[in-house]
N, C-alpha and C. Protein backbone atom coordinates (compact mmCIF):
# COMPACT_ATOMS: atom_id res chain seq x y z
N MET A 1 158.42 207.89 109.31
CA MET A 1 157.95 208.50 107.89
C MET A 1 156.64 209.18 107.55
N LYS A 2 156.55 210.30 106.82
CA LYS A 2 155.79 211.07 107.06
C LYS A 2 154.78 210.92 105.53
N THR A 3 153.45 210.40 106.05
CA THR A 3 152.30 210.03 104.95
C THR A 3 151.57 211.00 104.42
N SER A 4 151.55 211.49 103.23
CA SER A 4 150.61 212.71 103.25
C SER A 4 149.28 212.24 102.77
N VAL A 5 148.19 213.02 103.24
CA VAL A 5 147.01 212.44 103.20
C VAL A 5 145.99 213.54 102.50
N SER A 6 146.51 214.33 102.08
CA SER A 6 145.57 215.66 101.38
C SER A 6 146.18 215.28 99.61
N THR A 7 145.02 215.82 98.82
CA THR A 7 145.18 216.04 97.04
C THR A 7 146.33 216.61 97.04
N ALA A 8 146.15 218.02 98.04
CA ALA A 8 147.11 218.81 97.48
C ALA A 8 148.39 218.69 97.70
N THR A 9 148.78 217.76 99.20
CA THR A 9 150.13 218.04 99.25
C THR A 9 150.85 216.80 98.66
N LEU A 10 149.69 215.64 98.08
CA LEU A 10 150.39 214.44 97.17
C LEU A 10 150.76 215.23 95.91
N ALA A 11 149.91 216.15 95.20
CA ALA A 11 150.37 216.63 94.20
C ALA A 11 151.24 217.45 94.04
N ALA A 12 151.74 218.41 95.10
CA ALA A 12 152.76 219.11 95.19
C ALA A 12 154.08 218.01 95.30
N LYS A 13 153.91 217.01 95.69
CA LYS A 13 154.92 216.43 95.94
C LYS A 13 155.36 215.74 94.72
N THR A 14 154.14 215.23 93.83
CA THR A 14 154.60 214.66 92.71
C THR A 14 155.29 215.79 91.85
N ALA A 15 154.82 216.82 92.08
CA ALA A 15 155.07 218.19 90.90
C ALA A 15 156.57 218.26 91.46
N ALA A 16 156.98 218.43 92.95
CA ALA A 16 158.44 218.63 93.11
C ALA A 16 159.10 217.68 92.33
N GLY A 17 159.04 217.07 91.49
CA GLY A 17 160.09 216.10 91.04
C GLY A 17 160.62 216.72 89.81
N PHE A 18 159.63 217.62 89.64
CA PHE A 18 160.21 218.48 88.35
C PHE A 18 160.64 219.68 88.71
N ASP A 19 161.72 220.33 87.55
CA ASP A 19 162.34 221.68 87.87
C ASP A 19 161.69 223.12 87.98
N SER A 20 160.62 222.53 87.03
CA SER A 20 159.45 223.66 86.94
C SER A 20 158.32 223.24 86.81
N VAL A 21 157.26 223.94 87.17
CA VAL A 21 155.62 223.65 87.46
C VAL A 21 155.33 224.80 87.27
N MET A 22 154.18 224.69 86.75
CA MET A 22 153.02 225.72 86.54
C MET A 22 151.91 225.64 87.18
N LEU A 23 151.03 226.26 88.07
CA LEU A 23 150.37 226.18 88.83
C LEU A 23 149.08 226.95 88.52
N ILE A 24 148.10 226.48 87.85
CA ILE A 24 147.06 227.64 87.70
C ILE A 24 145.85 227.49 88.75
N GLY A 25 145.35 228.46 89.30
CA GLY A 25 144.41 228.89 90.59
C GLY A 25 145.21 228.41 91.81
N ALA A 26 146.02 229.30 92.08
CA ALA A 26 146.83 229.40 93.37
C ALA A 26 146.03 229.85 94.30
N SER A 27 144.77 230.91 93.88
CA SER A 27 144.26 231.77 95.38
C SER A 27 143.22 230.58 95.72
N GLY A 28 143.09 229.65 95.28
CA GLY A 28 141.55 228.80 95.93
C GLY A 28 142.44 228.17 97.01
N GLU A 29 141.26 227.50 97.73
CA GLU A 29 141.77 226.34 98.75
C GLU A 29 142.63 225.95 98.55
N ILE A 30 142.53 224.87 97.73
CA ILE A 30 143.65 223.63 97.08
C ILE A 30 144.76 224.10 96.39
N GLY A 31 144.68 225.17 95.62
CA GLY A 31 145.44 225.88 95.03
C GLY A 31 146.36 226.54 96.07
N GLY A 32 146.39 227.13 97.01
CA GLY A 32 147.13 227.81 97.90
C GLY A 32 147.56 226.65 98.69
N LYS A 33 147.20 225.60 98.82
CA LYS A 33 148.00 224.49 99.82
C LYS A 33 149.27 223.86 98.92
N ILE A 34 148.64 223.84 97.58
CA ILE A 34 149.45 223.49 96.64
C ILE A 34 150.82 224.32 96.62
N LEU A 35 150.54 225.68 96.55
CA LEU A 35 151.52 226.44 96.26
C LEU A 35 152.60 226.69 97.46
N LYS A 36 151.79 226.51 98.74
CA LYS A 36 152.52 226.70 100.01
C LYS A 36 153.72 225.23 99.89
N ASN A 37 153.12 224.26 99.43
CA ASN A 37 153.68 223.09 99.40
C ASN A 37 155.34 223.00 98.60
N LEU A 38 154.56 223.71 97.24
CA LEU A 38 155.64 223.87 96.32
C LEU A 38 157.01 224.90 96.40
N LEU A 39 156.49 225.76 97.27
CA LEU A 39 157.34 227.08 97.92
C LEU A 39 158.29 226.68 98.76
N SER A 40 157.97 224.90 99.30
CA SER A 40 159.26 224.90 100.46
C SER A 40 159.94 223.45 99.70
N TYR A 41 159.75 223.81 98.33
CA TYR A 41 160.92 222.86 97.85
C TYR A 41 161.61 224.06 96.70
N LYS A 42 162.96 224.04 97.46
CA LYS A 42 164.04 225.27 97.14
C LYS A 42 164.48 224.91 95.48
N ASN A 43 163.86 223.91 94.75
CA ASN A 43 165.08 223.11 93.40
C ASN A 43 163.74 223.58 92.77
N VAL A 44 162.66 224.04 92.95
CA VAL A 44 161.85 224.34 91.62
C VAL A 44 161.10 225.91 91.75
N THR A 45 160.91 225.71 90.12
CA THR A 45 160.50 227.31 90.11
C THR A 45 158.89 226.70 89.67
N VAL A 46 158.33 227.77 90.30
CA VAL A 46 156.93 227.72 90.47
C VAL A 46 156.53 228.95 89.45
N TYR A 47 155.80 228.73 88.32
CA TYR A 47 155.01 229.42 87.78
C TYR A 47 153.15 229.77 87.69
N ILE A 48 153.01 230.93 88.37
CA ILE A 48 151.66 230.99 89.30
C ILE A 48 150.76 231.70 88.27
N THR A 49 149.48 231.81 88.08
CA THR A 49 148.51 231.76 87.06
C THR A 49 146.92 231.71 87.32
N GLU A 50 146.13 232.61 87.11
CA GLU A 50 144.90 232.02 87.28
C GLU A 50 144.14 233.29 86.35
N ARG A 51 142.80 232.64 86.15
CA ARG A 51 142.18 233.67 85.24
C ARG A 51 142.10 235.10 85.31
N SER A 52 141.84 235.38 86.71
CA SER A 52 141.88 237.11 87.32
C SER A 52 142.72 236.76 88.50
N HIS A 53 143.73 237.35 88.72
CA HIS A 53 144.67 237.95 89.50
C HIS A 53 144.08 238.72 91.00
N ARG A 54 143.11 237.83 91.25
CA ARG A 54 142.51 238.76 92.65
C ARG A 54 143.27 238.62 94.20
N GLY A 55 143.73 237.04 93.74
CA GLY A 55 144.80 236.74 95.23
C GLY A 55 145.84 237.57 95.18
N LYS A 56 146.49 237.79 96.59
CA LYS A 56 147.29 238.51 96.70
C LYS A 56 148.46 237.37 97.40
N PHE A 57 149.70 237.15 96.31
CA PHE A 57 150.30 236.08 96.45
C PHE A 57 152.14 236.94 97.52
N LEU A 58 151.98 236.33 98.54
CA LEU A 58 153.72 236.71 98.96
C LEU A 58 154.25 235.38 98.94
N PHE A 59 155.63 235.91 98.41
CA PHE A 59 156.69 234.95 98.73
C PHE A 59 157.85 235.29 99.41
N PRO A 60 158.27 234.15 99.55
CA PRO A 60 159.89 233.98 100.38
C PRO A 60 160.67 234.68 99.36
N ALA A 61 161.63 235.64 99.86
CA ALA A 61 162.57 236.32 99.01
C ALA A 61 163.51 235.34 97.92
N ASP A 62 163.84 234.01 98.67
CA ASP A 62 164.71 232.86 98.07
C ASP A 62 163.47 231.97 97.45
N SER A 63 162.44 232.27 96.87
CA SER A 63 161.62 231.26 96.58
C SER A 63 161.63 231.54 94.92
N LYS A 64 161.45 230.75 94.01
CA LYS A 64 161.76 230.62 93.02
C LYS A 64 160.06 230.88 92.24
N ALA A 65 159.05 231.88 92.44
CA ALA A 65 158.16 231.73 92.16
C ALA A 65 157.70 232.97 91.42
N VAL A 66 157.35 232.73 90.31
CA VAL A 66 157.25 233.53 88.89
C VAL A 66 155.63 233.90 88.65
N LEU A 67 155.11 234.89 88.91
CA LEU A 67 153.45 235.70 88.51
C LEU A 67 153.87 236.04 86.75
N ILE A 68 152.72 234.79 86.03
CA ILE A 68 152.68 234.99 84.79
C ILE A 68 151.24 235.43 83.99
N ASP A 69 151.28 236.16 83.43
CA ASP A 69 149.80 236.44 82.85
C ASP A 69 148.75 235.12 82.56
N TYR A 70 147.73 234.79 82.69
CA TYR A 70 147.05 233.56 82.12
C TYR A 70 146.92 233.56 80.76
N ASP A 71 146.82 234.45 80.00
CA ASP A 71 146.72 234.58 78.71
C ASP A 71 148.42 233.77 78.08
N LYS A 72 149.19 234.00 79.02
CA LYS A 72 150.60 233.49 78.58
C LYS A 72 150.54 231.71 79.06
N ARG A 73 150.08 231.24 79.39
CA ARG A 73 150.44 230.10 79.96
C ARG A 73 150.71 229.02 78.89
N TYR A 74 150.14 229.21 77.86
CA TYR A 74 150.52 228.14 76.93
C TYR A 74 152.06 228.50 76.24
N GLU A 75 152.38 229.30 76.41
CA GLU A 75 154.06 230.03 76.21
C GLU A 75 154.74 229.74 77.33
N PHE A 76 154.51 229.52 78.46
CA PHE A 76 155.21 228.75 79.24
C PHE A 76 155.15 227.30 79.77
N ALA A 77 153.96 226.65 79.07
CA ALA A 77 153.83 225.32 79.05
C ALA A 77 155.22 224.50 78.54
N ASP A 78 155.66 224.95 77.64
CA ASP A 78 156.72 224.05 77.55
C ASP A 78 158.15 224.71 78.05
N LYS A 79 157.99 225.33 79.01
CA LYS A 79 159.28 225.33 79.87
C LYS A 79 159.43 224.56 81.38
N CYS A 80 157.75 223.85 81.07
CA CYS A 80 157.51 223.19 82.31
C CYS A 80 157.55 221.75 82.54
N GLY A 81 157.55 221.18 83.06
CA GLY A 81 157.40 219.65 83.49
C GLY A 81 156.85 219.18 83.91
N CYS A 82 155.52 219.79 84.49
CA CYS A 82 154.46 219.90 85.05
C CYS A 82 153.33 220.82 85.47
N ILE A 83 152.39 220.72 85.04
CA ILE A 83 151.02 221.79 84.95
C ILE A 83 150.03 220.91 86.08
N ILE A 84 149.73 222.32 87.20
CA ILE A 84 148.89 221.59 88.19
C ILE A 84 147.78 222.86 87.61
N SER A 85 146.31 222.19 87.29
CA SER A 85 145.33 223.22 87.83
C SER A 85 144.18 223.03 88.74
N ALA A 86 143.81 223.87 89.32
CA ALA A 86 142.89 223.54 90.62
C ALA A 86 142.03 224.77 90.47
N THR A 87 141.23 224.98 89.41
CA THR A 87 140.35 226.43 89.62
C THR A 87 138.89 225.73 90.07
N SER A 88 137.92 226.68 90.21
CA SER A 88 136.57 226.25 90.58
C SER A 88 135.84 226.49 89.20
N GLY A 89 136.26 227.33 87.83
CA GLY A 89 135.68 227.61 86.75
C GLY A 89 134.80 226.43 86.06
N PRO A 90 134.37 227.19 85.38
CA PRO A 90 133.39 225.96 84.48
C PRO A 90 134.27 225.84 83.27
N HIS A 91 135.07 226.30 83.29
CA HIS A 91 135.71 226.26 81.22
C HIS A 91 137.44 225.53 81.65
N PHE A 92 137.39 224.58 80.91
CA PHE A 92 139.27 224.31 80.68
C PHE A 92 139.92 225.26 80.52
N THR A 93 140.78 225.43 81.53
CA THR A 93 142.33 226.01 81.72
C THR A 93 143.32 225.64 80.63
N ILE A 94 143.11 224.23 80.03
CA ILE A 94 144.22 223.94 79.20
C ILE A 94 143.20 223.02 78.32
N THR A 95 143.30 223.47 77.02
CA THR A 95 143.12 222.01 75.99
C THR A 95 144.02 221.76 75.12
N ALA A 96 143.40 220.48 74.38
CA ALA A 96 144.44 219.46 73.74
C ALA A 96 145.11 220.04 72.64
N GLU A 97 143.91 220.94 71.56
CA GLU A 97 144.42 221.67 70.74
C GLU A 97 145.35 223.00 70.58
N LYS A 98 145.60 223.35 71.72
CA LYS A 98 146.29 224.57 72.14
C LYS A 98 147.72 224.01 72.59
N LEU A 99 147.25 223.07 73.79
CA LEU A 99 148.69 222.47 73.86
C LEU A 99 149.32 221.74 73.32
N LYS A 100 148.99 221.27 72.28
CA LYS A 100 149.75 220.44 71.25
C LYS A 100 150.28 221.42 69.84
N ASN A 101 149.82 222.38 70.39
CA ASN A 101 150.55 223.36 69.42
C ASN A 101 151.69 224.51 70.32
N SER A 102 151.69 224.11 71.47
CA SER A 102 152.46 224.73 72.38
C SER A 102 154.21 224.24 72.94
N VAL A 103 153.85 223.01 72.58
CA VAL A 103 154.89 222.15 73.70
C VAL A 103 155.68 221.31 72.58
N SER A 104 156.87 221.35 72.45
CA SER A 104 158.15 221.07 71.24
C SER A 104 157.98 219.44 71.44
N ALA A 105 158.14 218.93 70.25
CA ALA A 105 158.61 217.39 69.78
C ALA A 105 159.21 216.96 70.91
N GLY A 106 158.88 215.82 71.25
CA GLY A 106 159.91 215.06 72.30
C GLY A 106 160.02 215.30 73.61
N LYS A 107 159.07 216.71 74.04
CA LYS A 107 158.81 216.92 75.62
C LYS A 107 158.00 216.16 76.43
N GLN A 108 158.62 216.20 77.60
CA GLN A 108 157.79 214.93 78.35
C GLN A 108 157.09 216.06 79.49
N LEU A 109 155.82 216.09 79.49
CA LEU A 109 155.16 217.09 80.00
C LEU A 109 154.12 216.08 81.31
N THR A 110 153.68 216.48 82.40
CA THR A 110 152.44 215.86 83.15
C THR A 110 151.60 216.97 83.63
N LEU A 111 150.28 216.57 83.41
CA LEU A 111 149.46 217.51 83.84
C LEU A 111 148.47 217.10 84.90
N ILE A 112 148.46 217.78 85.97
CA ILE A 112 147.49 217.12 87.11
C ILE A 112 146.47 218.03 87.25
N ASP A 113 144.85 217.69 86.95
CA ASP A 113 144.20 218.06 87.27
C ASP A 113 143.34 218.02 88.77
N LEU A 114 143.20 218.89 89.33
CA LEU A 114 142.76 218.42 91.07
C LEU A 114 141.27 219.45 91.04
N ALA A 115 140.63 219.70 89.81
CA ALA A 115 139.24 220.39 89.56
C ALA A 115 138.23 219.53 89.36
N VAL A 116 137.08 219.78 89.90
CA VAL A 116 135.96 219.08 89.90
C VAL A 116 134.69 220.23 89.58
N PRO A 117 134.31 220.65 88.06
CA PRO A 117 134.71 219.77 87.14
C PRO A 117 135.80 219.96 86.67
N ARG A 118 136.42 218.73 85.55
CA ARG A 118 138.07 218.94 85.18
C ARG A 118 138.37 220.33 84.56
N ASP A 119 139.56 220.91 84.92
CA ASP A 119 139.98 221.68 83.94
C ASP A 119 140.72 221.57 83.28
N ILE A 120 141.08 220.72 82.94
CA ILE A 120 142.37 219.86 81.62
C ILE A 120 141.56 218.77 80.64
N ASP A 121 141.71 219.46 79.56
CA ASP A 121 140.83 218.76 78.75
C ASP A 121 141.42 217.45 78.19
N SER A 122 140.70 216.23 78.67
CA SER A 122 141.04 214.84 78.71
C SER A 122 141.68 214.62 77.73
N ARG A 123 141.48 214.76 76.56
CA ARG A 123 142.47 214.85 75.12
C ARG A 123 143.64 214.85 75.43
N VAL A 124 144.22 215.73 76.19
CA VAL A 124 145.87 216.14 76.02
C VAL A 124 146.62 214.99 76.35
N GLY A 125 145.81 213.73 77.12
CA GLY A 125 146.50 212.70 77.15
C GLY A 125 146.83 212.00 76.20
N LYS A 126 146.19 212.15 75.22
CA LYS A 126 146.71 211.88 73.68
C LYS A 126 147.96 212.30 72.94
N ILE A 127 148.04 213.47 73.56
CA ILE A 127 149.30 213.97 72.65
C ILE A 127 150.94 213.23 73.21
N GLU A 128 151.67 213.21 72.31
CA GLU A 128 152.72 212.23 72.94
C GLU A 128 153.72 212.73 73.69
N GLY A 129 153.85 212.38 74.77
CA GLY A 129 154.73 213.11 75.75
C GLY A 129 154.13 213.29 76.76
N VAL A 130 153.02 213.64 76.62
CA VAL A 130 152.12 214.43 77.58
C VAL A 130 151.51 213.37 78.52
N SER A 131 151.25 213.53 79.72
CA SER A 131 150.31 212.39 80.55
C SER A 131 149.53 213.12 81.57
N LEU A 132 148.32 212.68 81.81
CA LEU A 132 147.59 213.54 82.65
C LEU A 132 146.97 212.67 83.65
N VAL A 133 147.25 213.26 84.90
CA VAL A 133 146.73 212.55 86.35
C VAL A 133 145.38 213.39 86.99
N GLY A 134 144.70 212.76 87.07
CA GLY A 134 143.36 213.17 87.66
C GLY A 134 143.20 213.25 89.20
N ILE A 135 142.12 214.16 89.49
CA ILE A 135 142.18 214.02 90.97
C ILE A 135 142.05 212.74 91.71
N ASP A 136 141.12 212.10 91.01
CA ASP A 136 140.53 210.25 91.37
C ASP A 136 141.68 209.82 92.16
N SER A 137 143.33 209.91 91.25
CA SER A 137 144.37 209.14 91.67
C SER A 137 144.45 209.85 92.72
N PHE A 138 144.84 210.68 93.29
CA PHE A 138 145.38 211.49 94.22
C PHE A 138 144.32 210.94 95.51
N GLU A 139 142.81 211.40 95.06
CA GLU A 139 141.83 211.20 95.98
C GLU A 139 142.34 209.70 96.52
N GLN A 140 142.58 208.75 95.89
CA GLN A 140 142.88 206.98 96.20
C GLN A 140 143.99 207.00 97.20
N LEU A 141 144.99 207.41 96.37
CA LEU A 141 146.47 207.54 97.13
C LEU A 141 146.04 208.07 98.73
N ALA A 142 145.40 209.24 98.80
CA ALA A 142 145.23 210.07 99.80
C ALA A 142 144.23 209.05 100.67
N ARG A 143 143.04 208.36 100.24
CA ARG A 143 142.53 207.52 101.40
C ARG A 143 143.47 206.37 101.84
N HIS A 144 144.15 205.78 100.92
CA HIS A 144 145.28 204.74 101.09
C HIS A 144 145.98 205.08 102.32
N ASN A 145 146.84 205.87 102.03
CA ASN A 145 147.66 206.89 103.27
C ASN A 145 146.89 207.07 104.52
N ASN A 146 145.64 207.89 104.41
CA ASN A 146 145.33 207.84 105.77
C ASN A 146 144.63 206.41 106.34
N GLU A 147 144.69 205.29 105.68
CA GLU A 147 144.40 203.81 106.51
C GLU A 147 145.65 203.53 106.83
N VAL A 148 146.87 203.94 106.25
CA VAL A 148 148.24 203.33 106.59
C VAL A 148 148.23 204.73 107.75
N LYS A 149 148.07 205.69 107.98
CA LYS A 149 148.11 206.24 109.38
C LYS A 149 147.38 205.79 110.39
N LEU A 150 146.00 205.49 110.16
CA LEU A 150 145.25 205.18 111.14
C LEU A 150 145.90 203.71 111.67
N SER A 151 146.04 203.02 110.69
CA SER A 151 146.33 201.21 111.31
C SER A 151 147.56 201.48 111.80
N SER A 152 148.42 202.72 111.76
CA SER A 152 149.79 203.05 112.80
C SER A 152 149.40 203.71 114.10
N VAL A 153 148.43 203.93 113.81
CA VAL A 153 147.83 204.59 115.28
C VAL A 153 147.55 203.22 116.02
N GLU A 154 146.70 202.44 115.35
CA GLU A 154 146.18 201.36 116.22
C GLU A 154 147.15 200.48 116.83
N ARG A 155 148.15 199.96 115.99
CA ARG A 155 149.34 199.66 116.74
C ARG A 155 149.92 200.22 117.71
N ALA A 156 150.32 201.41 117.38
CA ALA A 156 150.84 202.26 118.93
C ALA A 156 149.86 202.26 119.86
N GLU A 157 148.40 202.15 119.95
CA GLU A 157 147.55 201.78 120.60
C GLU A 157 147.76 200.91 121.49
N GLU A 158 148.32 199.73 120.71
CA GLU A 158 148.49 198.33 121.30
C GLU A 158 149.72 198.07 121.66
N ILE A 159 150.65 198.48 121.40
CA ILE A 159 152.08 198.61 121.73
C ILE A 159 151.79 199.41 123.22
N ILE A 160 151.09 200.42 123.24
CA ILE A 160 150.97 201.23 124.76
C ILE A 160 150.41 200.25 125.37
N TYR A 161 149.03 199.66 125.05
CA TYR A 161 148.28 199.02 125.82
C TYR A 161 149.16 197.68 126.66
N GLN A 162 150.01 196.95 126.01
CA GLN A 162 151.05 196.12 126.01
C GLN A 162 151.63 196.57 127.64
N GLU A 163 152.61 197.64 126.94
CA GLU A 163 153.44 198.32 127.93
C GLU A 163 153.07 198.56 129.26
N THR A 164 151.59 199.02 129.36
CA THR A 164 150.79 199.65 130.25
C THR A 164 150.41 198.21 131.47
N GLU A 165 150.24 197.55 130.57
CA GLU A 165 150.08 196.23 131.18
C GLU A 165 151.02 195.71 132.08
N ALA A 166 152.54 195.61 131.33
CA ALA A 166 153.57 194.86 131.60
C ALA A 166 154.38 195.79 132.97
N LEU A 167 153.74 197.20 132.86
CA LEU A 167 154.31 198.13 134.04
C LEU A 167 153.16 197.82 135.26
N LYS A 168 152.15 197.77 134.93
CA LYS A 168 151.37 197.39 136.04
C LYS A 168 151.76 195.99 136.92
N ASN A 169 151.99 195.09 136.02
CA ASN A 169 152.25 193.82 136.54
C ASN A 169 153.41 193.98 137.56
N SER A 170 154.47 194.69 136.78
CA SER A 170 155.59 194.87 137.68
C SER A 170 155.41 195.58 138.82
N PHE A 171 154.32 196.47 139.22
CA PHE A 171 153.81 197.15 139.94
C PHE A 171 153.49 196.14 141.14
N ARG A 172 152.61 195.12 140.41
CA ARG A 172 152.11 194.23 141.39
C ARG A 172 153.00 193.31 142.13
N CYS A 173 153.92 192.87 141.49
CA CYS A 173 154.97 192.01 141.98
C CYS A 173 155.99 192.89 143.05
N THR A 174 156.06 193.94 142.60
CA THR A 174 157.06 194.66 144.07
C THR A 174 156.09 194.95 144.94
N ASP A 175 154.99 195.18 144.57
CA ASP A 175 153.75 195.34 145.94
C ASP A 175 153.71 194.25 146.82
N PHE A 176 154.11 192.91 146.10
CA PHE A 176 153.95 191.70 146.77
C PHE A 176 154.75 191.04 147.23
N PHE A 177 156.26 191.51 146.55
CA PHE A 177 157.45 191.35 147.45
C PHE A 177 157.75 192.24 148.73
N ARG A 178 157.23 193.38 149.10
CA ARG A 178 157.14 194.32 149.91
C ARG A 178 156.35 193.84 151.08
N SER A 179 155.40 193.22 150.73
CA SER A 179 154.22 193.09 151.72
C SER A 179 154.83 191.52 152.83
């Protein structure tokens, strides 16, 4: 069983449960990892945007990646099941007021904010059908998964030690009977 230990991988794995995801800030370190992970899921359409398109995005021919203008992010919000924001900017990329006016009634939308300081206005969580998940949740899960991995390593080391000791004892017995 593969256990993810990075916030980027965990966020991408969460977002991959949706048919379409918007990623804001794909050219940064975390955003780049998220993009790479999302593009590995063939069932997900990824709308990519950032404040200034300085990043060079190369997509596999069979990917469902769509580069969109940053100013149109709210227009695409209603097409998405999930929006991830991972920028290093000082301003909100998504505000509650503009999102509320962009999302259809009854729409279920998950927003994932991986930025410090926050990229997404915390008031979006008060919009009906919208849930907001912050970086703290993913960091906590990543720590837990890392602990699970480390404990697995410790168990594996114990098994190796026990098997090595059993093999040594077997050799000692063989040597004893040869003498």
